[in-house]
Amino acid sequence: MPHIVIKTIRGPSKKQMQDAAAEIAGIVEKTMGKPRKYISVSFEEYSFDEWEKVHSEFVRGKDNVLVQPGYTNPKTFD
């Protein structure tokens, strides 16, 4: 508790993902008052072709997505 899952299109390097995970864990620790030893962060990488399904299943129309993307078409990102 808490566990953060980041779904992304393939591309970031392992180091970029490690750096992002560390930053995110720090933000959660600071803003939610959870000790870092209880925080975990994972990445799930997808191809462009898979992204439409991810967007449909986890983003579009979901009340728990508190920051919505600036695009409505996951095929073109427009």
C-alpha atoms as a PDB file:
ATOM      1  CA  MET A   1       0.000   0.000   0.000  1.00  0.00           C
ATOM      2  CA  PRO A   2       0.009   1.982  -2.119  1.00  0.00           C
ATOM      3  CA  HIS A   3       1.029   0.308  -5.363  1.00  0.00           C
ATOM      4  CA  ILE A   4       1.225   2.543  -8.436  1.00  0.00           C
ATOM      5  CA  VAL A   5       1.001   1.028 -11.921  1.00  0.00           C
ATOM      6  CA  ILE A   6       2.211   3.099 -14.863  1.00  0.00           C
ATOM      7  CA  LYS A   7       0.978   1.950 -18.255  1.00  0.00           C
ATOM      8  CA  THR A   8       2.987   3.384 -21.121  1.00  0.00           C
ATOM      9  CA  ILE A   9       3.874   2.853 -24.740  1.00  0.00           C
ATOM     10  CA  ARG A  10       7.234   1.087 -25.095  1.00  0.00           C
ATOM     11  CA  GLY A  11      10.190   3.359 -25.349  1.00  0.00           C
ATOM     12  CA  PRO A  12      11.446   4.700 -22.041  1.00  0.00           C
ATOM     13  CA  SER A  13      14.766   3.240 -20.970  1.00  0.00           C
ATOM     14  CA  LYS A  14      15.081   1.190 -17.784  1.00  0.00           C
ATOM     15  CA  LYS A  15      16.897   4.131 -16.175  1.00  0.00           C
ATOM     16  CA  GLN A  16      14.125   6.557 -17.169  1.00  0.00           C
ATOM     17  CA  MET A  17      11.529   4.245 -15.655  1.00  0.00           C
ATOM     18  CA  GLN A  18      13.601   3.778 -12.472  1.00  0.00           C
ATOM     19  CA  ASP A  19      14.049   7.556 -12.139  1.00  0.00           C
ATOM     20  CA  ALA A  20      10.337   8.184 -12.708  1.00  0.00           C
ATOM     21  CA  ALA A  21       9.371   5.474 -10.211  1.00  0.00           C
ATOM     22  CA  ALA A  22      11.652   6.977  -7.558  1.00  0.00           C
ATOM     23  CA  GLU A  23      10.227  10.469  -8.146  1.00  0.00           C
ATOM     24  CA  ILE A  24       6.646   9.195  -8.026  1.00  0.00           C
ATOM     25  CA  ALA A  25       7.308   7.249  -4.827  1.00  0.00           C
ATOM     26  CA  GLY A  26       8.741  10.420  -3.299  1.00  0.00           C
ATOM     27  CA  ILE A  27       5.695  12.443  -4.285  1.00  0.00           C
ATOM     28  CA  VAL A  28       3.337   9.822  -2.840  1.00  0.00           C
ATOM     29  CA  GLU A  29       5.382   9.744   0.354  1.00  0.00           C
ATOM     30  CA  LYS A  30       5.247  13.536   0.658  1.00  0.00           C
ATOM     31  CA  THR A  31       1.642  14.194  -0.363  1.00  0.00           C
ATOM     32  CA  MET A  32      -0.071  11.141   1.123  1.00  0.00           C
ATOM     33  CA  GLY A  33       2.110  10.719   4.184  1.00  0.00           C
ATOM     34  CA  LYS A  34       2.931   7.096   3.381  1.00  0.00           C
ATOM     35  CA  PRO A  35       6.422   5.897   4.344  1.00  0.00           C
ATOM     36  CA  ARG A  36       8.478   4.954   1.291  1.00  0.00           C
ATOM     37  CA  LYS A  37       8.962   1.419   2.585  1.00  0.00           C
ATOM     38  CA  TYR A  38       5.244   0.822   1.906  1.00  0.00           C
ATOM     39  CA  ILE A  39       5.214   2.242  -1.642  1.00  0.00           C
ATOM     40  CA  SER A  40       5.740   0.187  -4.795  1.00  0.00           C
ATOM     41  CA  VAL A  41       5.745   1.326  -8.422  1.00  0.00           C
ATOM     42  CA  SER A  42       5.601  -0.835 -11.534  1.00  0.00           C
ATOM     43  CA  PHE A  43       5.588  -0.193 -15.272  1.00  0.00           C
ATOM     44  CA  GLU A  44       3.605  -2.004 -17.942  1.00  0.00           C
ATOM     45  CA  GLU A  45       4.735  -1.336 -21.502  1.00  0.00           C
ATOM     46  CA  TYR A  46       2.519  -1.656 -24.563  1.00  0.00           C
ATOM     47  CA  SER A  47       2.902  -1.286 -28.320  1.00  0.00           C
ATOM     48  CA  PHE A  48       1.111   1.481 -30.228  1.00  0.00           C
ATOM     49  CA  ASP A  49      -1.272  -1.174 -31.545  1.00  0.00           C
ATOM     50  CA  GLU A  50      -2.136  -2.279 -28.003  1.00  0.00           C
ATOM     51  CA  TRP A  51      -2.635   1.242 -26.682  1.00  0.00           C
ATOM     52  CA  GLU A  52      -6.190   1.709 -27.968  1.00  0.00           C
ATOM     53  CA  LYS A  53      -7.332  -1.267 -25.868  1.00  0.00           C
ATOM     54  CA  VAL A  54      -5.448   0.028 -22.803  1.00  0.00           C
ATOM     55  CA  HIS A  55      -7.006   3.477 -23.256  1.00  0.00           C
ATOM     56  CA  SER A  56     -10.472   1.997 -23.659  1.00  0.00           C
ATOM     57  CA  GLU A  57     -10.164  -0.353 -20.687  1.00  0.00           C
ATOM     58  CA  PHE A  58      -8.392   1.878 -18.172  1.00  0.00           C
ATOM     59  CA  VAL A  59      -8.802   5.544 -19.184  1.00  0.00           C
ATOM     60  CA  ARG A  60     -11.818   6.478 -21.328  1.00  0.00           C
ATOM     61  CA  GLY A  61     -14.832   7.323 -19.189  1.00  0.00           C
ATOM     62  CA  LYS A  62     -13.258   6.143 -15.933  1.00  0.00           C
ATOM     63  CA  ASP A  63     -14.057   8.168 -12.814  1.00  0.00           C
ATOM     64  CA  ASN A  64     -10.832   7.077 -11.102  1.00  0.00           C
ATOM     65  CA  VAL A  65      -8.617   8.718 -13.774  1.00  0.00           C
ATOM     66  CA  LEU A  66      -7.952  12.022 -12.027  1.00  0.00           C
ATOM     67  CA  VAL A  67      -5.712  13.481 -14.753  1.00  0.00           C
ATOM     68  CA  GLN A  68      -7.226  12.940 -18.183  1.00  0.00           C
ATOM     69  CA  PRO A  69      -5.025  12.880 -21.300  1.00  0.00           C
ATOM     70  CA  GLY A  70      -5.176  15.761 -23.738  1.00  0.00           C
ATOM     71  CA  TYR A  71      -6.256  13.488 -26.590  1.00  0.00           C
ATOM     72  CA  THR A  72      -9.465  11.613 -27.352  1.00  0.00           C
ATOM     73  CA  ASN A  73      -8.218   9.386 -30.173  1.00  0.00           C
ATOM     74  CA  PRO A  74      -5.669   6.835 -28.915  1.00  0.00           C
ATOM     75  CA  LYS A  75      -4.734   5.877 -32.488  1.00  0.00           C
ATOM     76  CA  THR A  76      -3.551   9.347 -33.513  1.00  0.00           C
ATOM     77  CA  PHE A  77      -3.254  11.091 -30.119  1.00  0.00           C
ATOM     78  CA  ASP A  78      -5.415  13.941 -31.405  1.00  0.00           C
END
